[in-house]
Amino acid sequence: MTVADYIRGKFQTFGITVSEADLLELSLSSGINVEDEMNQQNIGLVSVAMAGFIPSLLLRANSKSVSENGHSKSQSWDISGIKEYYAFLCKKYGLDDELNADKPKVTFI
């Protein structure tokens, strides 16, 4: 499985279709090669790249419904799910969680 296939598959579970332009942005902004094979050596880098991409991805998140000639098609994302996945990645890789900054934090002194 290529990195591109892995990224598409992970986002697809949230109802998000990743375009070629999205993959190019991920690649250029993070230094990952989407044509590489997914493996243990690059899983961390790919996951961090995905976490970095999620905030910009959520800027365009919404529900769409189109009706034409008696046929309707709707698209919706699991926005809360992708936010939780983002929070998980941030915690796992020690990243700043920019989307959930309003959550209370506990500091032990």
C-alpha atoms as a PDB file:
ATOM      1  CA  MET A   1       0.000   0.000   0.000  1.00  0.00           C
ATOM      2  CA  THR A   2       1.367   3.410  -0.935  1.00  0.00           C
ATOM      3  CA  VAL A   3       1.378   6.406   1.384  1.00  0.00           C
ATOM      4  CA  ALA A   4      -1.265   8.012  -0.851  1.00  0.00           C
ATOM      5  CA  ASP A   5      -3.529   4.947  -0.541  1.00  0.00           C
ATOM      6  CA  TYR A   6      -3.058   4.932   3.236  1.00  0.00           C
ATOM      7  CA  ILE A   7      -3.956   8.634   3.544  1.00  0.00           C
ATOM      8  CA  ARG A   8      -7.001   8.237   1.298  1.00  0.00           C
ATOM      9  CA  GLY A   9      -8.153   5.217   3.299  1.00  0.00           C
ATOM     10  CA  LYS A  10      -7.728   6.886   6.691  1.00  0.00           C
ATOM     11  CA  PHE A  11      -9.685   9.976   5.652  1.00  0.00           C
ATOM     12  CA  GLN A  12     -12.321   7.904   3.823  1.00  0.00           C
ATOM     13  CA  THR A  13     -13.353   6.340   7.141  1.00  0.00           C
ATOM     14  CA  PHE A  14     -14.564   9.837   8.098  1.00  0.00           C
ATOM     15  CA  GLY A  15     -16.390  10.333   4.794  1.00  0.00           C
ATOM     16  CA  ILE A  16     -13.658  12.568   3.366  1.00  0.00           C
ATOM     17  CA  THR A  17     -12.393  12.175  -0.169  1.00  0.00           C
ATOM     18  CA  VAL A  18      -8.796  13.355  -0.541  1.00  0.00           C
ATOM     19  CA  SER A  19      -7.954  14.884  -3.918  1.00  0.00           C
ATOM     20  CA  GLU A  20      -4.676  14.753  -5.816  1.00  0.00           C
ATOM     21  CA  ALA A  21      -4.192  18.423  -4.884  1.00  0.00           C
ATOM     22  CA  ASP A  22      -4.642  17.514  -1.208  1.00  0.00           C
ATOM     23  CA  LEU A  23      -2.020  14.788  -1.522  1.00  0.00           C
ATOM     24  CA  LEU A  24       0.348  17.202  -3.267  1.00  0.00           C
ATOM     25  CA  GLU A  25      -0.125  19.752  -0.475  1.00  0.00           C
ATOM     26  CA  LEU A  26       0.544  17.081   2.147  1.00  0.00           C
ATOM     27  CA  SER A  27       3.650  15.980   0.292  1.00  0.00           C
ATOM     28  CA  LEU A  28       5.094  19.453  -0.271  1.00  0.00           C
ATOM     29  CA  SER A  29       4.355  20.754   3.224  1.00  0.00           C
ATOM     30  CA  SER A  30       5.718  17.742   5.080  1.00  0.00           C
ATOM     31  CA  GLY A  31       8.390  16.203   2.878  1.00  0.00           C
ATOM     32  CA  ILE A  32       6.646  12.840   2.591  1.00  0.00           C
ATOM     33  CA  ASN A  33       6.580  11.011  -0.729  1.00  0.00           C
ATOM     34  CA  VAL A  34       3.045   9.801  -1.383  1.00  0.00           C
ATOM     35  CA  GLU A  35       4.364   7.204  -3.851  1.00  0.00           C
ATOM     36  CA  ASP A  36       6.484   5.449  -1.180  1.00  0.00           C
ATOM     37  CA  GLU A  37       5.268   2.234   0.370  1.00  0.00           C
ATOM     38  CA  MET A  38       3.662   2.625   3.785  1.00  0.00           C
ATOM     39  CA  ASN A  39       5.811   1.020   6.488  1.00  0.00           C
ATOM     40  CA  GLN A  40       6.911   1.216  10.125  1.00  0.00           C
ATOM     41  CA  GLN A  41       9.654   3.703   9.293  1.00  0.00           C
ATOM     42  CA  ASN A  42       7.333   6.350   7.820  1.00  0.00           C
ATOM     43  CA  ILE A  43       4.098   5.870   9.810  1.00  0.00           C
ATOM     44  CA  GLY A  44       5.030   8.602  12.296  1.00  0.00           C
ATOM     45  CA  LEU A  45       5.948  11.138   9.616  1.00  0.00           C
ATOM     46  CA  VAL A  46       2.792  10.379   7.625  1.00  0.00           C
ATOM     47  CA  SER A  47       0.584  10.640  10.735  1.00  0.00           C
ATOM     48  CA  VAL A  48       2.125  13.990  11.712  1.00  0.00           C
ATOM     49  CA  ALA A  49       1.621  15.230   8.136  1.00  0.00           C
ATOM     50  CA  MET A  50      -2.036  14.182   8.287  1.00  0.00           C
ATOM     51  CA  ALA A  51      -2.474  15.951  11.644  1.00  0.00           C
ATOM     52  CA  GLY A  52      -0.982  19.103  10.148  1.00  0.00           C
ATOM     53  CA  PHE A  53      -3.410  18.915   7.240  1.00  0.00           C
ATOM     54  CA  ILE A  54      -6.615  18.349   9.233  1.00  0.00           C
ATOM     55  CA  PRO A  55      -7.184  21.977  10.357  1.00  0.00           C
ATOM     56  CA  SER A  56      -7.147  23.237   6.760  1.00  0.00           C
ATOM     57  CA  LEU A  57      -9.313  20.304   5.725  1.00  0.00           C
ATOM     58  CA  LEU A  58     -11.939  21.218   8.332  1.00  0.00           C
ATOM     59  CA  LEU A  59     -12.203  24.750   6.957  1.00  0.00           C
ATOM     60  CA  ARG A  60     -14.147  23.339   4.025  1.00  0.00           C
ATOM     61  CA  ALA A  61     -16.153  20.757   5.970  1.00  0.00           C
ATOM     62  CA  ASN A  62     -19.904  20.904   5.558  1.00  0.00           C
ATOM     63  CA  SER A  63     -22.861  18.891   4.459  1.00  0.00           C
ATOM     64  CA  LYS A  64     -23.940  19.107   0.848  1.00  0.00           C
ATOM     65  CA  SER A  65     -27.084  17.879  -0.761  1.00  0.00           C
ATOM     66  CA  VAL A  66     -27.655  18.023  -4.508  1.00  0.00           C
ATOM     67  CA  SER A  67     -30.874  17.108  -6.285  1.00  0.00           C
ATOM     68  CA  GLU A  68     -31.077  16.734 -10.049  1.00  0.00           C
ATOM     69  CA  ASN A  69     -33.729  15.082 -12.222  1.00  0.00           C
ATOM     70  CA  GLY A  70     -35.343  13.367  -9.246  1.00  0.00           C
ATOM     71  CA  HIS A  71     -32.052  11.944  -7.965  1.00  0.00           C
ATOM     72  CA  SER A  72     -30.429  13.282  -4.843  1.00  0.00           C
ATOM     73  CA  LYS A  73     -26.951  12.846  -3.525  1.00  0.00           C
ATOM     74  CA  SER A  74     -25.628  14.018  -0.201  1.00  0.00           C
ATOM     75  CA  GLN A  75     -22.168  14.319   1.250  1.00  0.00           C
ATOM     76  CA  SER A  76     -21.418  14.666   4.920  1.00  0.00           C
ATOM     77  CA  TRP A  77     -18.324  14.305   7.023  1.00  0.00           C
ATOM     78  CA  ASP A  78     -17.910  12.903  10.481  1.00  0.00           C
ATOM     79  CA  ILE A  79     -16.590  16.241  11.736  1.00  0.00           C
ATOM     80  CA  SER A  80     -16.542  15.304  15.410  1.00  0.00           C
ATOM     81  CA  GLY A  81     -14.793  12.050  14.518  1.00  0.00           C
ATOM     82  CA  ILE A  82     -12.063  13.761  12.510  1.00  0.00           C
ATOM     83  CA  LYS A  83     -11.563  16.281  15.342  1.00  0.00           C
ATOM     84  CA  GLU A  84     -11.158  13.435  17.817  1.00  0.00           C
ATOM     85  CA  TYR A  85      -8.722  11.686  15.460  1.00  0.00           C
ATOM     86  CA  TYR A  86      -6.787  14.953  15.188  1.00  0.00           C
ATOM     87  CA  ALA A  87      -6.691  15.282  18.998  1.00  0.00           C
ATOM     88  CA  PHE A  88      -5.476  11.673  19.218  1.00  0.00           C
ATOM     89  CA  LEU A  89      -2.659  12.318  16.710  1.00  0.00           C
ATOM     90  CA  CYS A  90      -1.647  15.527  18.499  1.00  0.00           C
ATOM     91  CA  LYS A  91      -1.451  13.750  21.840  1.00  0.00           C
ATOM     92  CA  LYS A  92       0.376  10.744  20.410  1.00  0.00           C
ATOM     93  CA  TYR A  93       3.011  12.801  18.587  1.00  0.00           C
ATOM     94  CA  GLY A  94       3.313  15.691  21.063  1.00  0.00           C
ATOM     95  CA  LEU A  95       1.782  18.285  18.720  1.00  0.00           C
ATOM     96  CA  ASP A  96      -0.118  21.417  19.729  1.00  0.00           C
ATOM     97  CA  ASP A  97      -3.844  20.716  19.450  1.00  0.00           C
ATOM     98  CA  GLU A  98      -5.009  23.900  17.728  1.00  0.00           C
ATOM     99  CA  LEU A  99      -8.587  22.736  17.212  1.00  0.00           C
ATOM    100  CA  ASN A 100      -9.347  21.796  20.790  1.00  0.00           C
ATOM    101  CA  ALA A 101      -7.639  24.694  22.554  1.00  0.00           C
ATOM    102  CA  ASP A 102     -10.777  25.441  24.561  1.00  0.00           C
ATOM    103  CA  LYS A 103     -10.653  22.109  26.397  1.00  0.00           C
ATOM    104  CA  PRO A 104      -9.634  22.460  30.031  1.00  0.00           C
ATOM    105  CA  LYS A 105      -6.053  21.497  30.799  1.00  0.00           C
ATOM    106  CA  VAL A 106      -4.673  20.176  34.046  1.00  0.00           C
ATOM    107  CA  THR A 107      -1.186  21.157  35.122  1.00  0.00           C
ATOM    108  CA  PHE A 108       0.453  19.416  38.051  1.00  0.00           C
ATOM    109  CA  ILE A 109       2.891  21.550  40.000  1.00  0.00           C
END
